Amino acid sequence: MEEHKYEITYIIRPDMEEGAKNDLVAKFDKVLTDNGAKIIDSKDWSKRRFAYEIAGYNEGVYHIVNLTTADKTALDEFDRQSKFSDDILRQMTVRR
Protein backbone atom coordinates (compact mmCIF):
# COMPACT_ATOMS: atom_id res chain seq x y z
CA MET A 1 0.00 0.00 0.00
CA GLU A 2 1.05 3.56 -0.64
CA GLU A 3 1.93 5.72 2.35
CA HIS A 4 0.22 9.08 2.78
CA LYS A 5 1.28 12.12 4.79
CA TYR A 6 -0.93 13.39 7.60
CA GLU A 7 -0.82 16.21 10.10
CA ILE A 8 -2.47 15.91 13.50
CA THR A 9 -2.99 19.07 15.51
CA TYR A 10 -4.23 18.72 19.05
CA ILE A 11 -4.77 21.15 21.92
CA ILE A 12 -3.47 20.26 25.38
CA ARG A 13 -4.80 21.75 28.63
CA PRO A 14 -2.73 24.85 29.50
CA ASP A 15 -2.51 24.07 33.24
CA MET A 16 -0.55 20.81 32.86
CA GLU A 17 2.94 20.64 34.33
CA GLU A 18 5.73 20.34 31.76
CA GLY A 19 6.62 16.76 32.76
CA ALA A 20 3.01 15.59 32.56
CA LYS A 21 2.59 17.27 29.17
CA ASN A 22 5.74 15.57 27.85
CA ASP A 23 4.43 12.20 29.11
CA LEU A 24 1.11 12.82 27.35
CA VAL A 25 2.84 13.67 24.06
CA ALA A 26 5.08 10.59 24.35
CA LYS A 27 2.02 8.41 25.06
CA PHE A 28 0.16 9.61 21.96
CA ASP A 29 3.28 9.44 19.76
CA LYS A 30 3.61 5.81 20.91
CA VAL A 31 -0.05 5.14 20.02
CA LEU A 32 0.74 6.24 16.47
CA THR A 33 4.00 4.30 16.08
CA ASP A 34 2.59 1.13 17.69
CA ASN A 35 -0.15 1.13 15.03
CA GLY A 36 2.16 1.45 12.03
CA ALA A 37 2.67 5.20 11.57
CA LYS A 38 6.09 6.77 11.05
CA ILE A 39 6.42 10.11 12.84
CA ILE A 40 8.32 12.75 10.88
CA ASP A 41 8.18 15.33 13.68
CA SER A 42 6.21 16.00 16.84
CA LYS A 43 6.50 19.46 18.38
CA ASP A 44 4.72 22.11 20.37
CA TRP A 45 3.52 24.98 18.26
CA SER A 46 2.56 27.57 20.89
CA LYS A 47 0.15 28.47 23.65
CA ARG A 48 -2.75 30.37 22.11
CA ARG A 49 -5.88 32.08 23.29
CA PHE A 50 -9.18 30.63 22.03
CA ALA A 51 -11.92 32.59 20.29
CA TYR A 52 -14.37 30.90 22.65
CA GLU A 53 -14.13 28.83 25.81
CA ILE A 54 -13.44 25.09 25.44
CA ALA A 55 -14.11 22.86 28.46
CA GLY A 56 -13.68 25.82 30.81
CA TYR A 57 -10.36 26.99 29.30
CA ASN A 58 -9.65 30.21 27.40
CA GLU A 59 -6.26 29.06 26.05
CA GLY A 60 -4.37 25.87 25.24
CA VAL A 61 -1.05 24.46 24.05
CA TYR A 62 -1.16 23.48 20.38
CA HIS A 63 0.89 20.40 19.43
CA ILE A 64 1.53 19.28 15.84
CA VAL A 65 2.51 15.79 14.65
CA ASN A 66 3.52 15.15 11.03
CA LEU A 67 3.48 11.48 10.05
CA THR A 68 3.18 8.96 7.25
CA THR A 69 1.09 5.81 7.27
CA ALA A 70 -0.21 3.30 4.74
CA ASP A 71 -3.54 2.67 6.47
CA LYS A 72 -5.74 4.57 8.88
CA THR A 73 -5.37 2.20 11.85
CA ALA A 74 -2.98 4.56 13.67
CA LEU A 75 -5.18 7.59 12.98
CA ASP A 76 -8.33 5.82 14.16
CA GLU A 77 -6.66 4.64 17.37
CA PHE A 78 -5.27 8.15 18.04
CA ASP A 79 -8.74 9.62 17.52
CA ARG A 80 -10.36 7.04 19.80
CA GLN A 81 -7.90 7.49 22.65
CA SER A 82 -7.80 11.28 22.41
CA LYS A 83 -11.58 11.38 22.91
CA PHE A 84 -11.13 9.59 26.25
CA SER A 85 -8.33 11.89 27.43
CA ASP A 86 -9.37 14.87 29.55
CA ASP A 87 -5.97 16.45 28.83
CA ILE A 88 -6.66 16.87 25.09
CA LEU A 89 -9.30 19.53 24.49
CA ARG A 90 -9.58 19.16 20.69
CA GLN A 91 -7.82 17.37 17.85
CA MET A 92 -7.88 17.51 14.08
CA THR A 93 -6.29 15.27 11.44
CA VAL A 94 -5.55 16.51 7.92
CA ARG A 95 -4.19 14.56 4.96
CA ARG A 96 -1.39 16.55 3.32
PDB file of N, CA and C in Angstrom:
ATOM      1  N   MET A   1       0.835  -1.192   0.000  1.00  0.00           N
ATOM      2  CA  MET A   1       0.000   0.000   0.000  1.00  0.00           C
ATOM      3  C   MET A   1       0.877   1.253   0.000  1.00  0.00           C
ATOM      4  N   GLU A   2       0.345   2.284  -0.582  1.00  0.00           N
ATOM      5  CA  GLU A   2       1.049   3.559  -0.644  1.00  0.00           C
ATOM      6  C   GLU A   2       0.901   4.319   0.671  1.00  0.00           C
ATOM      7  N   GLU A   3       1.987   4.929   1.132  1.00  0.00           N
ATOM      8  CA  GLU A   3       1.930   5.724   2.350  1.00  0.00           C
ATOM      9  C   GLU A   3       1.480   7.141   2.019  1.00  0.00           C
ATOM     10  N   HIS A   4       0.692   7.709   2.922  1.00  0.00           N
ATOM     11  CA  HIS A   4       0.216   9.082   2.781  1.00  0.00           C
ATOM     12  C   HIS A   4       0.714   9.905   3.954  1.00  0.00           C
ATOM     13  N   LYS A   5       0.844  11.211   3.733  1.00  0.00           N
ATOM     14  CA  LYS A   5       1.282  12.116   4.793  1.00  0.00           C
ATOM     15  C   LYS A   5       0.049  12.707   5.475  1.00  0.00           C
ATOM     16  N   TYR A   6       0.134  12.803   6.807  1.00  0.00           N
ATOM     17  CA  TYR A   6      -0.934  13.388   7.603  1.00  0.00           C
ATOM     18  C   TYR A   6      -0.342  14.367   8.601  1.00  0.00           C
ATOM     19  N   GLU A   7      -1.182  15.287   9.033  1.00  0.00           N
ATOM     20  CA  GLU A   7      -0.815  16.214  10.095  1.00  0.00           C
ATOM     21  C   GLU A   7      -1.911  16.169  11.147  1.00  0.00           C
ATOM     22  N   ILE A   8      -1.521  15.895  12.375  1.00  0.00           N
ATOM     23  CA  ILE A   8      -2.467  15.907  13.497  1.00  0.00           C
ATOM     24  C   ILE A   8      -2.135  17.120  14.355  1.00  0.00           C
ATOM     25  N   THR A   9      -3.135  17.945  14.601  1.00  0.00           N
ATOM     26  CA  THR A   9      -2.986  19.066  15.512  1.00  0.00           C
ATOM     27  C   THR A   9      -3.917  18.810  16.688  1.00  0.00           C
ATOM     28  N   TYR A  10      -3.366  18.871  17.888  1.00  0.00           N
ATOM     29  CA  TYR A  10      -4.226  18.725  19.052  1.00  0.00           C
ATOM     30  C   TYR A  10      -3.892  19.772  20.095  1.00  0.00           C
ATOM     31  N   ILE A  11      -4.898  20.096  20.917  1.00  0.00           N
ATOM     32  CA  ILE A  11      -4.772  21.148  21.922  1.00  0.00           C
ATOM     33  C   ILE A  11      -4.732  20.497  23.300  1.00  0.00           C
ATOM     34  N   ILE A  12      -3.677  20.811  24.044  1.00  0.00           N
ATOM     35  CA  ILE A  12      -3.470  20.260  25.383  1.00  0.00           C
ATOM     36  C   ILE A  12      -3.871  21.313  26.416  1.00  0.00           C
ATOM     37  N   ARG A  13      -4.437  20.840  27.533  1.00  0.00           N
ATOM     38  CA  ARG A  13      -4.803  21.752  28.629  1.00  0.00           C
ATOM     39  C   ARG A  13      -3.619  22.649  28.990  1.00  0.00           C
ATOM     40  N   PRO A  14      -3.851  23.946  29.217  1.00  0.00           N
ATOM     41  CA  PRO A  14      -2.734  24.853  29.499  1.00  0.00           C
ATOM     42  C   PRO A  14      -2.197  24.736  30.928  1.00  0.00           C
ATOM     43  N   ASP A  15      -2.939  24.117  31.835  1.00  0.00           N
ATOM     44  CA  ASP A  15      -2.515  24.072  33.240  1.00  0.00           C
ATOM     45  C   ASP A  15      -1.743  22.803  33.596  1.00  0.00           C
ATOM     46  N   MET A  16      -1.340  22.016  32.599  1.00  0.00           N
ATOM     47  CA  MET A  16      -0.555  20.809  32.861  1.00  0.00           C
ATOM     48  C   MET A  16       0.896  21.181  33.152  1.00  0.00           C
ATOM     49  N   GLU A  17       1.519  20.443  34.082  1.00  0.00           N
ATOM     50  CA  GLU A  17       2.943  20.637  34.333  1.00  0.00           C
ATOM     51  C   GLU A  17       3.723  20.138  33.124  1.00  0.00           C
ATOM     52  N   GLU A  18       4.919  20.666  32.930  1.00  0.00           N
ATOM     53  CA  GLU A  18       5.731  20.341  31.755  1.00  0.00           C
ATOM     54  C   GLU A  18       6.012  18.838  31.649  1.00  0.00           C
ATOM     55  N   GLY A  19       6.332  18.201  32.773  1.00  0.00           N
ATOM     56  CA  GLY A  19       6.621  16.762  32.759  1.00  0.00           C
ATOM     57  C   GLY A  19       5.412  15.935  32.363  1.00  0.00           C
ATOM     58  N   ALA A  20       4.238  16.304  32.890  1.00  0.00           N
ATOM     59  CA  ALA A  20       3.006  15.586  32.561  1.00  0.00           C
ATOM     60  C   ALA A  20       2.645  15.783  31.094  1.00  0.00           C
ATOM     61  N   LYS A  21       2.873  16.986  30.582  1.00  0.00           N
ATOM     62  CA  LYS A  21       2.590  17.271  29.169  1.00  0.00           C
ATOM     63  C   LYS A  21       3.516  16.449  28.275  1.00  0.00           C
ATOM     64  N   ASN A  22       4.789  16.364  28.632  1.00  0.00           N
ATOM     65  CA  ASN A  22       5.743  15.570  27.848  1.00  0.00           C
ATOM     66  C   ASN A  22       5.367  14.089  27.865  1.00  0.00           C
ATOM     67  N   ASP A  23       4.893  13.594  29.020  1.00  0.00           N
ATOM     68  CA  ASP A  23       4.434  12.202  29.111  1.00  0.00           C
ATOM     69  C   ASP A  23       3.223  11.957  28.222  1.00  0.00           C
ATOM     70  N   LEU A  24       2.295  12.930  28.188  1.00  0.00           N
ATOM     71  CA  LEU A  24       1.105  12.822  27.353  1.00  0.00           C
ATOM     72  C   LEU A  24       1.487  12.768  25.871  1.00  0.00           C
ATOM     73  N   VAL A  25       2.386  13.646  25.456  1.00  0.00           N
ATOM     74  CA  VAL A  25       2.839  13.675  24.065  1.00  0.00           C
ATOM     75  C   VAL A  25       3.524  12.357  23.710  1.00  0.00           C
ATOM     76  N   ALA A  26       4.383  11.866  24.601  1.00  0.00           N
ATOM     77  CA  ALA A  26       5.077  10.590  24.350  1.00  0.00           C
ATOM     78  C   ALA A  26       4.073   9.441  24.242  1.00  0.00           C
ATOM     79  N   LYS A  27       3.044   9.460  25.081  1.00  0.00           N
ATOM     80  CA  LYS A  27       2.015   8.406  25.057  1.00  0.00           C
ATOM     81  C   LYS A  27       1.302   8.385  23.702  1.00  0.00           C
ATOM     82  N   PHE A  28       0.898   9.566  23.218  1.00  0.00           N
ATOM     83  CA  PHE A  28       0.156   9.611  21.961  1.00  0.00           C
ATOM     84  C   PHE A  28       1.066   9.402  20.747  1.00  0.00           C
ATOM     85  N   ASP A  29       2.338   9.781  20.832  1.00  0.00           N
ATOM     86  CA  ASP A  29       3.283   9.437  19.764  1.00  0.00           C
ATOM     87  C   ASP A  29       3.441   7.921  19.688  1.00  0.00           C
ATOM     88  N   LYS A  30       3.477   7.265  20.853  1.00  0.00           N
ATOM     89  CA  LYS A  30       3.607   5.809  20.911  1.00  0.00           C
ATOM     90  C   LYS A  30       2.365   5.121  20.346  1.00  0.00           C
ATOM     91  N   VAL A  31       1.181   5.687  20.593  1.00  0.00           N
ATOM     92  CA  VAL A  31      -0.054   5.138  20.018  1.00  0.00           C
ATOM     93  C   VAL A  31       0.067   5.109  18.495  1.00  0.00           C
ATOM     94  N   LEU A  32       0.594   6.171  17.922  1.00  0.00           N
ATOM     95  CA  LEU A  32       0.739   6.243  16.471  1.00  0.00           C
ATOM     96  C   LEU A  32       1.764   5.234  15.955  1.00  0.00           C
ATOM     97  N   THR A  33       2.944   5.194  16.575  1.00  0.00           N
ATOM     98  CA  THR A  33       3.997   4.297  16.083  1.00  0.00           C
ATOM     99  C   THR A  33       3.656   2.829  16.316  1.00  0.00           C
ATOM    100  N   ASP A  34       2.979   2.520  17.416  1.00  0.00           N
ATOM    101  CA  ASP A  34       2.585   1.130  17.686  1.00  0.00           C
ATOM    102  C   ASP A  34       1.571   0.606  16.665  1.00  0.00           C
ATOM    103  N   ASN A  35       0.866   1.534  16.005  1.00  0.00           N
ATOM    104  CA  ASN A  35      -0.152   1.129  15.033  1.00  0.00           C
ATOM    105  C   ASN A  35       0.303   1.358  13.591  1.00  0.00           C
ATOM    106  N   GLY A  36       1.622   1.444  13.382  1.00  0.00           N
ATOM    107  CA  GLY A  36       2.158   1.448  12.030  1.00  0.00           C
ATOM    108  C   GLY A  36       2.506   2.787  11.418  1.00  0.00           C
ATOM    109  N   ALA A  37       2.333   3.886  12.128  1.00  0.00           N
ATOM    110  CA  ALA A  37       2.673   5.196  11.566  1.00  0.00           C
ATOM    111  C   ALA A  37       4.151   5.495  11.782  1.00  0.00           C
ATOM    112  N   LYS A  38       4.717   6.292  10.895  1.00  0.00           N
ATOM    113  CA  LYS A  38       6.093   6.769  11.046  1.00  0.00           C
ATOM    114  C   LYS A  38       6.033   8.270  11.298  1.00  0.00           C
ATOM    115  N   ILE A  39       6.484   8.692  12.474  1.00  0.00           N
ATOM    116  CA  ILE A  39       6.420  10.108  12.843  1.00  0.00           C
ATOM    117  C   ILE A  39       7.599  10.849  12.224  1.00  0.00           C
ATOM    118  N   ILE A  40       7.296  11.899  11.477  1.00  0.00           N
ATOM    119  CA  ILE A  40       8.323  12.751  10.876  1.00  0.00           C
ATOM    120  C   ILE A  40       8.798  13.757  11.918  1.00  0.00           C
ATOM    121  N   ASP A  41       7.859  14.451  12.557  1.00  0.00           N
ATOM    122  CA  ASP A  41       8.181  15.326  13.679  1.00  0.00           C
ATOM    123  C   ASP A  41       6.965  15.502  14.571  1.00  0.00           C
ATOM    124  N   SER A  42       7.247  15.814  15.831  1.00  0.00           N
ATOM    125  CA  SER A  42       6.214  16.001  16.842  1.00  0.00           C
ATOM    126  C   SER A  42       6.686  17.136  17.732  1.00  0.00           C
ATOM    127  N   LYS A  43       6.003  18.288  17.657  1.00  0.00           N
ATOM    128  CA  LYS A  43       6.504  19.458  18.383  1.00  0.00           C
ATOM    129  C   LYS A  43       5.366  20.369  18.838  1.00  0.00           C
ATOM    130  N   ASP A  44       5.656  21.097  19.917  1.00  0.00           N
ATOM    131  CA  ASP A  44       4.715  22.112  20.374  1.00  0.00           C
ATOM    132  C   ASP A  44       4.760  23.276  19.399  1.00  0.00           C
ATOM    133  N   TRP A  45       3.586  23.815  19.127  1.00  0.00           N
ATOM    134  CA  TRP A  45       3.519  24.979  18.262  1.00  0.00           C
ATOM    135  C   TRP A  45       3.593  26.217  19.142  1.00  0.00           C
ATOM    136  N   SER A  46       2.554  26.446  19.962  1.00  0.00           N
ATOM    137  CA  SER A  46       2.562  27.567  20.887  1.00  0.00           C
ATOM    138  C   SER A  46       1.336  27.493  21.783  1.00  0.00           C
ATOM    139  N   LYS A  47       1.329  28.326  22.808  1.00  0.00           N
ATOM    140  CA  LYS A  47       0.149  28.468  23.649  1.00  0.00           C
ATOM    141  C   LYS A  47      -0.656  29.622  23.047  1.00  0.00           C
ATOM    142  N   ARG A  48      -1.916  29.367  22.771  1.00  0.00           N
ATOM    143  CA  ARG A  48      -2.753  30.374  22.110  1.00  0.00           C
ATOM    144  C   ARG A  48      -4.068  30.560  22.840  1.00  0.00           C
ATOM    145  N   ARG A  49      -4.580  31.746  22.720  1.00  0.00           N
ATOM    146  CA  ARG A  49      -5.880  32.083  23.291  1.00  0.00           C
ATOM    147  C   ARG A  49      -6.967  31.637  22.310  1.00  0.00           C
ATOM    148  N   PHE A  50      -8.068  31.098  22.860  1.00  0.00           N
ATOM    149  CA  PHE A  50      -9.182  30.628  22.034  1.00  0.00           C
ATOM    150  C   PHE A  50     -10.141  31.775  21.710  1.00  0.00           C
ATOM    151  N   ALA A  51     -10.870  31.636  20.632  1.00  0.00           N
ATOM    152  CA  ALA A  51     -11.919  32.593  20.287  1.00  0.00           C
ATOM    153  C   ALA A  51     -13.122  32.412  21.206  1.00  0.00           C
ATOM    154  N   TYR A  52     -13.286  31.191  21.721  1.00  0.00           N
ATOM    155  CA  TYR A  52     -14.374  30.897  22.650  1.00  0.00           C
ATOM    156  C   TYR A  52     -13.881  29.849  23.648  1.00  0.00           C
ATOM    157  N   GLU A  53     -14.540  29.746  24.754  1.00  0.00           N
ATOM    158  CA  GLU A  53     -14.126  28.830  25.813  1.00  0.00           C
ATOM    159  C   GLU A  53     -14.336  27.366  25.404  1.00  0.00           C
ATOM    160  N   ILE A  54     -13.345  26.524  25.696  1.00  0.00           N
ATOM    161  CA  ILE A  54     -13.438  25.090  25.435  1.00  0.00           C
ATOM    162  C   ILE A  54     -13.204  24.373  26.762  1.00  0.00           C
ATOM    163  N   ALA A  55     -14.200  23.654  27.227  1.00  0.00           N
ATOM    164  CA  ALA A  55     -14.112  22.862  28.462  1.00  0.00           C
ATOM    165  C   ALA A  55     -13.628  23.699  29.645  1.00  0.00           C
ATOM    166  N   GLY A  56     -14.036  24.952  29.693  1.00  0.00           N
ATOM    167  CA  GLY A  56     -13.676  25.820  30.813  1.00  0.00           C
ATOM    168  C   GLY A  56     -12.338  26.528  30.659  1.00  0.00           C
ATOM    169  N   TYR A  57     -11.660  26.356  29.531  1.00  0.00           N
ATOM    170  CA  TYR A  57     -10.355  26.992  29.296  1.00  0.00           C
ATOM    171  C   TYR A  57     -10.463  28.054  28.216  1.00  0.00           C
ATOM    172  N   ASN A  58      -9.688  29.130  28.384  1.00  0.00           N
ATOM    173  CA  ASN A  58      -9.649  30.208  27.397  1.00  0.00           C
ATOM    174  C   ASN A  58      -8.402  30.151  26.521  1.00  0.00           C
ATOM    175  N   GLU A  59      -7.462  29.230  26.854  1.00  0.00           N
ATOM    176  CA  GLU A  59      -6.257  29.062  26.051  1.00  0.00           C
ATOM    177  C   GLU A  59      -5.796  27.617  26.148  1.00  0.00           C
ATOM    178  N   GLY A  60      -4.890  27.234  25.244  1.00  0.00           N
ATOM    179  CA  GLY A  60      -4.372  25.875  25.242  1.00  0.00           C
ATOM    180  C   GLY A  60      -3.053  25.801  24.508  1.00  0.00           C
ATOM    181  N   VAL A  61      -2.337  24.690  24.704  1.00  0.00           N
ATOM    182  CA  VAL A  61      -1.048  24.462  24.046  1.00  0.00           C
ATOM    183  C   VAL A  61      -1.309  23.620  22.797  1.00  0.00           C
ATOM    184  N   TYR A  62      -0.977  24.177  21.652  1.00  0.00           N
ATOM    185  CA  TYR A  62      -1.157  23.479  20.382  1.00  0.00           C
ATOM    186  C   TYR A  62       0.060  22.598  20.125  1.00  0.00           C
ATOM    187  N   HIS A  63      -0.187  21.344  19.749  1.00  0.00           N
ATOM    188  CA  HIS A  63       0.892  20.402  19.434  1.00  0.00           C
ATOM    189  C   HIS A  63       0.623  19.835  18.049  1.00  0.00           C
ATOM    190  N   ILE A  64       1.679  19.748  17.227  1.00  0.00           N
ATOM    191  CA  ILE A  64       1.534  19.282  15.845  1.00  0.00           C
ATOM    192  C   ILE A  64       2.398  18.044  15.626  1.00  0.00           C
ATOM    193  N   VAL A  65       1.793  17.022  15.002  1.00  0.00           N
ATOM    194  CA  VAL A  65       2.507  15.789  14.655  1.00  0.00           C
ATOM    195  C   VAL A  65       2.373  15.582  13.148  1.00  0.00           C
ATOM    196  N   ASN A  66       3.504  15.500  12.447  1.00  0.00           N
ATOM    197  CA  ASN A  66       3.521  15.149  11.027  1.00  0.00           C
ATOM    198  C   ASN A  66       3.938  13.691  10.933  1.00  0.00           C
ATOM    199  N   LEU A  67       3.208  12.908  10.118  1.00  0.00           N
ATOM    200  CA  LEU A  67       3.477  11.475  10.048  1.00  0.00           C
ATOM    201  C   LEU A  67       3.119  10.929   8.685  1.00  0.00           C
ATOM    202  N   THR A  68       3.587   9.705   8.440  1.00  0.00           N
ATOM    203  CA  THR A  68       3.181   8.964   7.249  1.00  0.00           C
ATOM    204  C   THR A  68       2.641   7.623   7.706  1.00  0.00           C
ATOM    205  N   THR A  69       1.644   7.119   6.980  1.00  0.00           N
ATOM    206  CA  THR A  69       1.087   5.810   7.271  1.00  0.00           C
ATOM    207  C   THR A  69       0.408   5.264   6.023  1.00  0.00           C
ATOM    208  N   ALA A  70       0.396   3.951   5.900  1.00  0.00           N
ATOM    209  CA  ALA A  70      -0.211   3.302   4.742  1.00  0.00           C
ATOM    210  C   ALA A  70      -1.702   3.061   4.946  1.00  0.00           C
ATOM    211  N   ASP A  71      -2.118   2.842   6.197  1.00  0.00           N
ATOM    212  CA  ASP A  71      -3.544   2.672   6.469  1.00  0.00           C
ATOM    213  C   ASP A  71      -3.954   3.573   7.624  1.00  0.00           C
ATOM    214  N   LYS A  72      -5.234   3.619   7.893  1.00  0.00           N
ATOM    215  CA  LYS A  72      -5.744   4.569   8.880  1.00  0.00           C
ATOM    216  C   LYS A  72      -5.843   3.995  10.294  1.00  0.00           C
ATOM    217  N   THR A  73      -5.283   2.823  10.533  1.00  0.00           N
ATOM    218  CA  THR A  73      -5.369   2.203  11.852  1.00  0.00           C
ATOM    219  C   THR A  73      -4.805   3.115  12.931  1.00  0.00           C
ATOM    220  N   ALA A  74      -3.627   3.682  12.693  1.00  0.00           N
ATOM    221  CA  ALA A  74      -2.984   4.558  13.672  1.00  0.00           C
ATOM    222  C   ALA A  74      -3.823   5.809  13.918  1.00  0.00           C
ATOM    223  N   LEU A  75      -4.371   6.375  12.849  1.00  0.00           N
ATOM    224  CA  LEU A  75      -5.180   7.588  12.984  1.00  0.00           C
ATOM    225  C   LEU A  75      -6.466   7.307  13.748  1.00  0.00           C
ATOM    226  N   ASP A  76      -7.095   6.179  13.463  1.00  0.00           N
ATOM    227  CA  ASP A  76      -8.330   5.818  14.158  1.00  0.00           C
ATOM    228  C   ASP A  76      -8.084   5.577  15.639  1.00  0.00           C
ATOM    229  N   GLU A  77      -6.974   4.914  15.962  1.00  0.00           N
ATOM    230  CA  GLU A  77      -6.657   4.641  17.371  1.00  0.00           C
ATOM    231  C   GLU A  77      -6.306   5.939  18.101  1.00  0.00           C
ATOM    232  N   PHE A  78      -5.569   6.841  17.448  1.00  0.00           N
ATOM    233  CA  PHE A  78      -5.267   8.147  18.042  1.00  0.00           C
ATOM    234  C   PHE A  78      -6.561   8.896  18.334  1.00  0.00           C
ATOM    235  N   ASP A  79      -7.450   8.924  17.361  1.00  0.00           N
ATOM    236  CA  ASP A  79      -8.737   9.616  17.515  1.00  0.00           C
ATOM    237  C   ASP A  79      -9.537   9.027  18.675  1.00  0.00           C
ATOM    238  N   ARG A  80      -9.597   7.712  18.744  1.00  0.00           N
ATOM    239  CA  ARG A  80     -10.357   7.037  19.797  1.00  0.00           C
ATOM    240  C   ARG A  80      -9.800   7.372  21.184  1.00  0.00           C
ATOM    241  N   GLN A  81      -8.482   7.251  21.340  1.00  0.00           N
ATOM    242  CA  GLN A  81      -7.896   7.489  22.653  1.00  0.00           C
ATOM    243  C   GLN A  81      -7.901   8.958  23.046  1.00  0.00           C
ATOM    244  N   SER A  82      -7.785   9.856  22.071  1.00  0.00           N
ATOM    245  CA  SER A  82      -7.796  11.283  22.407  1.00  0.00           C
ATOM    246  C   SER A  82      -9.170  11.732  22.891  1.00  0.00           C
ATOM    247  N   LYS A  83     -10.225  11.049  22.448  1.00  0.00           N
ATOM    248  CA  LYS A  83     -11.575  11.384  22.914  1.00  0.00           C
ATOM    249  C   LYS A  83     -11.773  11.012  24.379  1.00  0.00           C
ATOM    250  N   PHE A  84     -11.026  10.004  24.862  1.00  0.00           N
ATOM    251  CA  PHE A  84     -11.132   9.587  26.255  1.00  0.00           C
ATOM    252  C   PHE A  84     -10.234  10.407  27.181  1.00  0.00           C
ATOM    253  N   SER A  85      -9.281  11.129  26.629  1.00  0.00           N
ATOM    254  CA  SER A  85      -8.326  11.888  27.434  1.00  0.00           C
ATOM    255  C   SER A  85      -8.900  13.254  27.799  1.00  0.00           C
ATOM    256  N   ASP A  86      -8.912  13.550  29.097  1.00  0.00           N
ATOM    257  CA  ASP A  86      -9.366  14.867  29.553  1.00  0.00           C
ATOM    258  C   ASP A  86      -8.300  15.928  29.318  1.00  0.00           C
ATOM    259  N   ASP A  87      -7.075  15.515  29.023  1.00  0.00           N
ATOM    260  CA  ASP A  87      -5.974  16.451  28.827  1.00  0.00           C
ATOM    261  C   ASP A  87      -5.930  17.025  27.412  1.00  0.00           C
ATOM    262  N   ILE A  88      -6.585  16.367  26.457  1.00  0.00           N
ATOM    263  CA  ILE A  88      -6.660  16.873  25.088  1.00  0.00           C
ATOM    264  C   ILE A  88      -8.038  17.493  24.891  1.00  0.00           C
ATOM    265  N   LEU A  89      -8.040  18.798  24.620  1.00  0.00           N
ATOM    266  CA  LEU A  89      -9.303  19.529  24.491  1.00  0.00           C
ATOM    267  C   LEU A  89      -9.939  19.346  23.114  1.00  0.00           C
ATOM    268  N   ARG A  90      -9.110  19.353  22.068  1.00  0.00           N
ATOM    269  CA  ARG A  90      -9.585  19.163  20.692  1.00  0.00           C
ATOM    270  C   ARG A  90      -8.460  18.538  19.878  1.00  0.00           C
ATOM    271  N   GLN A  91      -8.831  17.884  18.765  1.00  0.00           N
ATOM    272  CA  GLN A  91      -7.824  17.372  17.850  1.00  0.00           C
ATOM    273  C   GLN A  91      -8.393  17.371  16.444  1.00  0.00           C
ATOM    274  N   MET A  92      -7.489  17.480  15.472  1.00  0.00           N
ATOM    275  CA  MET A  92      -7.884  17.505  14.075  1.00  0.00           C
ATOM    276  C   MET A  92      -6.802  16.804  13.253  1.00  0.00           C
ATOM    277  N   THR A  93      -7.220  15.957  12.332  1.00  0.00           N
ATOM    278  CA  THR A  93      -6.289  15.266  11.444  1.00  0.00           C
ATOM    279  C   THR A  93      -6.553  15.708  10.017  1.00  0.00           C
ATOM    280  N   VAL A  94      -5.461  16.039   9.303  1.00  0.00           N
ATOM    281  CA  VAL A  94      -5.554  16.514   7.922  1.00  0.00           C
ATOM    282  C   VAL A  94      -4.591  15.702   7.071  1.00  0.00           C
ATOM    283  N   ARG A  95      -5.073  15.242   5.903  1.00  0.00           N
ATOM    284  CA  ARG A  95      -4.194  14.559   4.962  1.00  0.00           C
ATOM    285  C   ARG A  95      -3.486  15.633   4.134  1.00  0.00           C
ATOM    286  N   ARG A  96      -2.167  15.526   4.031  1.00  0.00           N
ATOM    287  CA  ARG A  96      -1.387  16.545   3.322  1.00  0.00           C
ATOM    288  C   ARG A  96      -1.113  16.131   1.900  1.00  0.00           C
TER     289      ARG A  96
END
